[in-house]
Amino acid sequence: MHWRDLVRRRQPGVWAGLHLTVQAPVRPALLVSVCPPDRIRVGTEERPMLWARVEPDYFGVDLLRSASPASPAIIPPITAAGVRALHSDDPVRTAAAWARHFARALTRSDRSPLAQGEWLLQPTLHGLERARMPLTLASDALARPAVDTLDWSSVTHGECLPPVLLRAPSLATAGRVKAWARQARAGSLPPVLLMWVSGLQAHVVLDGHDRLQAAVQEGADVPVLVLLRHGERCVDEQGLARADIIVERSGGADMTVEARNRLLLDLYSPARDVLPSRADLMRGGVDQWIAEVDAEARQGEDVQINDPLTRGLLAQLKG
């Protein structure tokens, strides 16, 4: 894999993320698997972490998250020395350093979601260029139960869905949560690594569950980096002709040379499109998916699956 830095199109020189190119035809270890027509599984072959079923009316998706508090171990644990080495007083420079750190770690990981193709790793959330997740969204993510529903109708009203955890939150008294809380107070908390899963219309947390919890406990917004599949869409000939006409007609307008040049650059440059998540057919199909959900449900004391409302949602999830 190799990468190059991206800059904002309207702010040349301002770092906007990394463009990753994975050339080898490698099957990812962390998979988004599907059982047509409506079931999704996220996890490795040996460790499923999330099961989902799209609701029949397409108003949302029902979820079951693994009750295990164990880390997904997609990225090696970040050390205090690593934080000191990558943190700086410049937040953009710090974000770029962490993006490179995560890119290297994903390349070396035996649980990486990276597959052949083009990827972006950037400080965006739901298409907005912002390097931090609002505290309200982070708090919502941690408060959600293991059996849950994501309401897609809220997305149509411009709301952002919270990221989905891939494990149970740690206790507030856990050592790593306390350690990250100190980093949050010092303003040096590393970003939480998210991945966009188009089938859920939501992000999942690849790395940083304890950092997310520490930031919420300290009342701080959460720095984020988002991994997503990427493609470039070139402008067609008709589009280029229209661009020439627009620029020609703007010649007598109150527009500077720099503004006309920026307009041309925007119109001629390939557009960055977010591609649907890569997904494989799940081995064993629906029967295997239901068996895994049943096995997880048998551990229901830890996630209160015996609650009547939760059991009803679980039955709806299984269909």
Protein backbone atom coordinates (compact mmCIF):
# COMPACT_ATOMS: atom_id res chain seq x y z
CA MET A 1 0.00 0.00 0.00
CA HIS A 2 1.07 3.59 -0.58
CA TRP A 3 -0.55 6.88 0.32
CA ARG A 4 -0.47 10.56 -0.49
CA ASP A 5 -1.67 13.61 1.37
CA LEU A 6 -4.86 15.37 0.32
CA VAL A 7 -5.56 19.09 0.62
CA ARG A 8 -8.86 20.92 0.69
CA ARG A 9 -9.95 21.97 -2.78
CA ARG A 10 -10.93 25.47 -1.74
CA GLN A 11 -8.10 25.88 0.75
CA PRO A 12 -4.88 24.82 -0.99
CA GLY A 13 -2.21 23.84 1.50
CA VAL A 14 -4.67 22.81 4.22
CA TRP A 15 -4.32 19.09 4.97
CA ALA A 16 -7.55 17.13 4.44
CA GLY A 17 -6.57 13.48 4.88
CA LEU A 18 -4.75 10.58 3.26
CA HIS A 19 -5.54 8.86 -0.03
CA LEU A 20 -4.64 5.17 0.35
CA THR A 21 -4.03 2.83 -2.57
CA VAL A 22 -4.07 -0.90 -1.84
CA GLN A 23 -2.65 -2.65 -4.90
CA ALA A 24 -2.40 -6.28 -3.82
CA PRO A 25 -5.58 -8.38 -4.23
CA VAL A 26 -5.82 -9.15 -0.51
CA ARG A 27 -9.00 -10.43 1.13
CA PRO A 28 -9.60 -8.28 4.23
CA ALA A 29 -9.63 -9.98 7.63
CA LEU A 30 -12.30 -7.70 9.10
CA LEU A 31 -15.28 -8.33 6.85
CA VAL A 32 -18.64 -6.82 6.19
CA SER A 33 -20.63 -9.91 5.21
CA VAL A 34 -24.16 -10.04 3.85
CA CYS A 35 -26.94 -12.61 3.67
CA PRO A 36 -29.36 -11.41 1.00
CA PRO A 37 -31.73 -9.77 1.12
CA ASP A 38 -31.42 -7.97 4.45
CA ARG A 39 -28.84 -9.36 6.90
CA ILE A 40 -25.36 -7.99 7.67
CA ARG A 41 -22.49 -9.23 9.83
CA VAL A 42 -19.34 -7.33 10.79
CA GLY A 43 -16.34 -9.16 12.21
CA THR A 44 -13.56 -11.58 11.45
CA GLU A 45 -14.11 -15.21 10.50
CA GLU A 46 -13.36 -16.34 14.05
CA ARG A 47 -14.94 -13.43 15.93
CA PRO A 48 -18.24 -11.86 14.87
CA MET A 49 -18.77 -8.47 16.51
CA LEU A 50 -22.01 -7.08 15.07
CA TRP A 51 -25.15 -8.47 13.45
CA ALA A 52 -27.77 -6.35 11.71
CA ARG A 53 -31.00 -6.73 9.80
CA VAL A 54 -32.47 -4.01 7.62
CA GLU A 55 -36.10 -3.37 8.55
CA PRO A 56 -38.68 -4.40 5.92
CA ASP A 57 -39.86 -0.82 5.43
CA TYR A 58 -36.26 0.45 5.14
CA PHE A 59 -36.77 2.94 7.96
CA GLY A 60 -33.77 1.61 9.83
CA VAL A 61 -31.70 -1.35 10.86
CA ASP A 62 -31.91 -3.59 13.95
CA LEU A 63 -28.58 -4.42 15.61
CA LEU A 64 -27.05 -6.91 18.00
CA ARG A 65 -23.59 -5.99 19.28
CA SER A 66 -21.23 -8.49 20.83
CA ALA A 67 -21.40 -8.51 24.63
CA SER A 68 -17.67 -9.12 24.91
CA PRO A 69 -15.64 -6.23 26.38
CA ALA A 70 -12.48 -7.50 24.66
CA SER A 71 -10.85 -5.15 22.18
CA PRO A 72 -11.35 -5.94 18.48
CA ALA A 73 -7.52 -5.75 18.30
CA ILE A 74 -7.56 -4.24 14.84
CA ILE A 75 -4.87 -1.73 15.81
CA PRO A 76 -2.09 -2.44 18.33
CA PRO A 77 -2.56 -0.58 21.64
CA ILE A 78 -1.32 3.01 21.58
CA THR A 79 1.34 3.74 24.18
CA ALA A 80 2.01 6.92 26.16
CA ALA A 81 5.32 7.23 24.30
CA GLY A 82 3.45 7.05 21.01
CA VAL A 83 1.15 9.87 22.09
CA ARG A 84 4.12 12.06 23.05
CA ALA A 85 5.80 11.36 19.72
CA LEU A 86 2.80 12.27 17.56
CA HIS A 87 1.10 15.08 19.48
CA SER A 88 1.89 18.71 18.66
CA ASP A 89 0.41 22.13 19.34
CA ASP A 90 -0.90 22.22 15.74
CA PRO A 91 -4.14 20.15 15.58
CA VAL A 92 -3.94 19.68 11.80
CA ARG A 93 -0.36 18.46 12.02
CA THR A 94 -1.35 16.12 14.86
CA ALA A 95 -4.27 14.69 12.85
CA ALA A 96 -1.98 14.08 9.85
CA ALA A 97 0.55 12.29 12.07
CA TRP A 98 -2.13 10.03 13.54
CA ALA A 99 -3.54 9.32 10.07
CA ARG A 100 -0.12 8.03 8.98
CA HIS A 101 0.16 6.01 12.17
CA PHE A 102 -3.21 4.33 11.54
CA ALA A 103 -2.41 3.75 7.86
CA ARG A 104 0.79 1.89 8.81
CA ALA A 105 -0.99 -0.06 11.54
CA LEU A 106 -3.82 -1.12 9.23
CA THR A 107 -1.29 -2.29 6.63
CA ARG A 108 0.47 -4.51 9.18
CA SER A 109 -2.63 -5.72 11.03
CA ASP A 110 -3.90 -9.29 10.63
CA ARG A 111 -7.42 -7.95 11.30
CA SER A 112 -7.40 -5.10 8.81
CA PRO A 113 -10.52 -4.17 6.79
CA LEU A 114 -8.38 -2.90 3.89
CA ALA A 115 -8.95 -4.56 0.52
CA GLN A 116 -7.63 -3.82 -2.96
CA GLY A 117 -8.69 -0.40 -4.17
CA GLU A 118 -8.74 3.26 -3.18
CA TRP A 119 -9.48 4.44 0.36
CA LEU A 120 -9.63 7.71 2.25
CA LEU A 121 -8.55 8.27 5.83
CA GLN A 122 -9.68 11.73 6.83
CA PRO A 123 -11.15 13.88 9.62
CA THR A 124 -14.70 13.94 8.29
CA LEU A 125 -17.97 12.84 9.81
CA HIS A 126 -21.08 12.24 7.69
CA GLY A 127 -19.51 14.23 4.85
CA LEU A 128 -18.70 17.25 7.01
CA GLU A 129 -15.11 18.43 7.31
CA ARG A 130 -14.71 18.42 11.05
CA ALA A 131 -12.01 16.75 13.08
CA ARG A 132 -14.11 16.14 16.20
CA MET A 133 -17.26 14.22 17.02
CA PRO A 134 -19.76 16.28 19.05
CA LEU A 135 -20.05 15.23 22.67
CA THR A 136 -23.78 14.51 22.28
CA LEU A 137 -23.13 12.02 19.46
CA ALA A 138 -20.35 10.28 21.41
CA SER A 139 -22.51 10.05 24.52
CA ASP A 140 -25.34 8.54 22.47
CA ALA A 141 -22.99 5.90 21.06
CA LEU A 142 -21.90 4.76 24.53
CA ALA A 143 -25.41 4.80 25.98
CA ARG A 144 -26.97 2.53 23.37
CA PRO A 145 -27.76 -1.07 24.42
CA ALA A 146 -26.35 -4.19 22.83
CA VAL A 147 -29.70 -4.83 21.11
CA ASP A 148 -30.64 -1.63 19.34
CA THR A 149 -32.24 0.04 16.32
CA LEU A 150 -30.75 2.75 14.13
CA ASP A 151 -33.51 5.00 12.83
CA TRP A 152 -32.75 6.00 9.23
CA SER A 153 -35.61 8.47 9.11
CA SER A 154 -33.52 10.81 11.25
CA VAL A 155 -30.87 10.86 8.52
CA THR A 156 -33.40 12.21 6.02
CA HIS A 157 -33.98 15.09 8.43
CA GLY A 158 -30.30 16.00 8.47
CA GLU A 159 -29.38 14.29 11.74
CA CYS A 160 -26.22 12.20 12.19
CA LEU A 161 -26.41 8.66 13.52
CA PRO A 162 -24.00 7.80 16.35
CA PRO A 163 -21.14 5.42 15.59
CA VAL A 164 -21.74 1.77 16.45
CA LEU A 165 -19.43 0.08 18.95
CA LEU A 166 -17.92 -3.31 18.10
CA ARG A 167 -17.61 -4.33 21.75
CA ALA A 168 -19.17 -3.61 25.12
CA PRO A 169 -17.88 -0.42 26.77
CA SER A 170 -15.27 -0.80 29.49
CA LEU A 171 -16.04 0.09 33.08
CA ALA A 172 -15.45 3.73 33.96
CA THR A 173 -12.90 2.56 36.52
CA ALA A 174 -10.82 0.60 33.97
CA GLY A 175 -7.16 1.53 33.91
CA ARG A 176 -7.00 2.48 30.23
CA VAL A 177 -10.13 4.63 30.48
CA LYS A 178 -8.54 6.53 33.38
CA ALA A 179 -5.28 6.89 31.45
CA TRP A 180 -7.06 8.26 28.38
CA ALA A 181 -9.08 10.60 30.59
CA ARG A 182 -5.81 12.19 31.69
CA GLN A 183 -4.83 12.61 28.03
CA ALA A 184 -8.25 14.15 27.29
CA ARG A 185 -7.74 16.69 30.08
CA ALA A 186 -4.30 17.49 28.68
CA GLY A 187 -5.71 17.97 25.16
CA SER A 188 -3.60 15.16 23.69
CA LEU A 189 -6.18 12.40 23.21
CA PRO A 190 -5.48 10.42 19.99
CA PRO A 191 -8.31 10.21 17.44
CA VAL A 192 -10.91 7.47 17.50
CA LEU A 193 -10.69 5.44 14.29
CA LEU A 194 -14.05 4.92 12.56
CA MET A 195 -15.06 3.10 9.37
CA TRP A 196 -18.09 3.95 7.22
CA VAL A 197 -20.39 0.96 6.60
CA SER A 198 -22.88 1.91 3.92
CA GLY A 199 -25.25 -0.98 4.68
CA LEU A 200 -25.78 0.46 8.17
CA GLN A 201 -25.69 4.11 7.07
CA ALA A 202 -23.41 4.54 10.08
CA HIS A 203 -19.80 4.35 11.21
CA VAL A 204 -18.38 1.54 13.32
CA VAL A 205 -15.60 2.06 15.85
CA LEU A 206 -12.49 0.21 14.68
CA ASP A 207 -10.19 1.50 17.40
CA GLY A 208 -10.61 3.78 20.38
CA HIS A 209 -13.56 2.51 22.44
CA ASP A 210 -11.82 3.50 25.67
CA ARG A 211 -10.74 6.85 24.23
CA LEU A 212 -14.34 7.53 23.25
CA GLN A 213 -15.47 6.74 26.77
CA ALA A 214 -12.73 8.84 28.36
CA ALA A 215 -13.63 11.88 26.26
CA VAL A 216 -17.29 11.58 27.22
CA GLN A 217 -16.42 11.26 30.90
CA GLU A 218 -14.32 14.42 30.63
CA GLY A 219 -17.04 16.29 28.71
CA ALA A 220 -14.83 16.76 25.65
CA ASP A 221 -15.51 16.47 21.94
CA VAL A 222 -13.85 13.42 20.42
CA PRO A 223 -11.13 13.67 17.75
CA VAL A 224 -11.89 11.26 14.88
CA LEU A 225 -10.42 9.84 11.70
CA VAL A 226 -12.71 8.00 9.29
CA LEU A 227 -11.78 5.19 6.90
CA LEU A 228 -13.96 4.84 3.81
CA ARG A 229 -13.82 3.45 0.28
CA HIS A 230 -13.18 6.04 -2.37
CA GLY A 231 -13.51 6.56 -6.08
CA GLU A 232 -12.84 9.49 -8.42
CA ARG A 233 -15.42 10.59 -10.95
CA CYS A 234 -14.10 12.52 -13.93
CA VAL A 235 -16.07 15.31 -15.57
CA ASP A 236 -17.54 14.35 -18.95
CA GLU A 237 -17.06 16.36 -22.15
CA GLN A 238 -20.40 18.14 -21.84
CA GLY A 239 -19.53 19.13 -18.30
CA LEU A 240 -16.22 20.56 -19.44
CA ALA A 241 -17.95 22.54 -22.19
CA ARG A 242 -20.34 24.00 -19.65
CA ALA A 243 -17.39 24.87 -17.44
CA ASP A 244 -15.73 26.80 -20.27
CA ILE A 245 -18.95 28.76 -20.90
CA ILE A 246 -19.30 29.60 -17.21
CA VAL A 247 -15.75 30.87 -16.96
CA GLU A 248 -16.02 32.81 -20.24
CA ARG A 249 -19.21 34.55 -19.10
CA SER A 250 -17.63 35.38 -15.75
CA GLY A 251 -14.86 37.33 -17.47
CA GLY A 252 -16.71 40.65 -17.24
CA ALA A 253 -18.16 39.94 -13.84
CA ASP A 254 -16.79 41.07 -10.55
CA MET A 255 -14.55 38.01 -10.22
CA THR A 256 -10.81 37.99 -9.60
CA VAL A 257 -8.36 35.96 -11.66
CA GLU A 258 -7.75 33.78 -8.63
CA ALA A 259 -11.49 33.12 -8.26
CA ARG A 260 -11.82 32.20 -11.95
CA ASN A 261 -8.84 29.87 -11.68
CA ARG A 262 -10.36 28.24 -8.59
CA LEU A 263 -13.66 27.81 -10.45
CA LEU A 264 -11.88 26.11 -13.34
CA LEU A 265 -9.98 23.85 -10.97
CA ASP A 266 -13.18 22.83 -9.20
CA LEU A 267 -14.99 22.14 -12.47
CA TYR A 268 -12.17 20.19 -14.12
CA SER A 269 -10.87 18.24 -11.13
CA PRO A 270 -12.23 14.72 -10.61
CA ALA A 271 -14.85 14.52 -7.87
CA ARG A 272 -14.17 12.36 -4.81
CA ASP A 273 -17.02 9.92 -4.34
CA VAL A 274 -17.63 7.72 -1.32
CA LEU A 275 -18.19 4.16 -2.58
CA PRO A 276 -20.45 1.54 -0.97
CA SER A 277 -18.72 -0.69 1.54
CA ARG A 278 -17.09 -3.82 0.20
CA ALA A 279 -19.05 -6.88 1.32
CA ASP A 280 -18.74 -10.66 0.94
CA LEU A 281 -21.45 -13.29 0.99
CA MET A 282 -21.50 -14.80 4.48
CA ARG A 283 -20.36 -18.38 4.68
CA GLY A 284 -23.22 -20.55 5.88
CA GLY A 285 -25.79 -17.98 4.83
CA VAL A 286 -28.85 -17.07 6.87
CA ASP A 287 -28.70 -20.29 8.92
CA GLN A 288 -25.20 -19.46 10.15
CA TRP A 289 -26.23 -15.84 10.82
CA ILE A 290 -29.20 -16.95 12.96
CA ALA A 291 -27.05 -19.53 14.79
CA GLU A 292 -24.55 -16.83 15.73
CA VAL A 293 -27.32 -14.49 16.93
CA ASP A 294 -28.80 -17.33 19.04
CA ALA A 295 -25.39 -18.07 20.54
CA GLU A 296 -24.91 -14.42 21.43
CA ALA A 297 -28.44 -14.23 22.88
CA ARG A 298 -27.64 -17.13 25.25
CA GLN A 299 -25.21 -14.76 26.93
CA GLY A 300 -28.13 -12.37 27.39
CA GLU A 301 -27.70 -11.81 31.12
CA ASP A 302 -24.81 -9.48 30.32
CA VAL A 303 -26.81 -7.40 27.83
CA GLN A 304 -30.28 -7.71 29.41
CA ILE A 305 -31.73 -9.69 26.51
CA ASN A 306 -34.24 -11.19 28.98
CA ASP A 307 -35.98 -7.82 29.20
CA PRO A 308 -39.36 -8.19 27.34
CA LEU A 309 -38.81 -5.15 25.11
CA THR A 310 -35.31 -6.30 24.22
CA ARG A 311 -36.48 -9.85 23.53
CA GLY A 312 -39.09 -8.46 21.16
CA LEU A 313 -36.43 -6.50 19.29
CA LEU A 314 -34.21 -9.58 19.17
CA ALA A 315 -37.06 -11.61 17.67
CA GLN A 316 -37.57 -8.89 15.09
CA LEU A 317 -33.84 -8.94 14.34
CA LYS A 318 -33.91 -12.70 13.71
CA GLY A 319 -37.07 -12.43 11.62
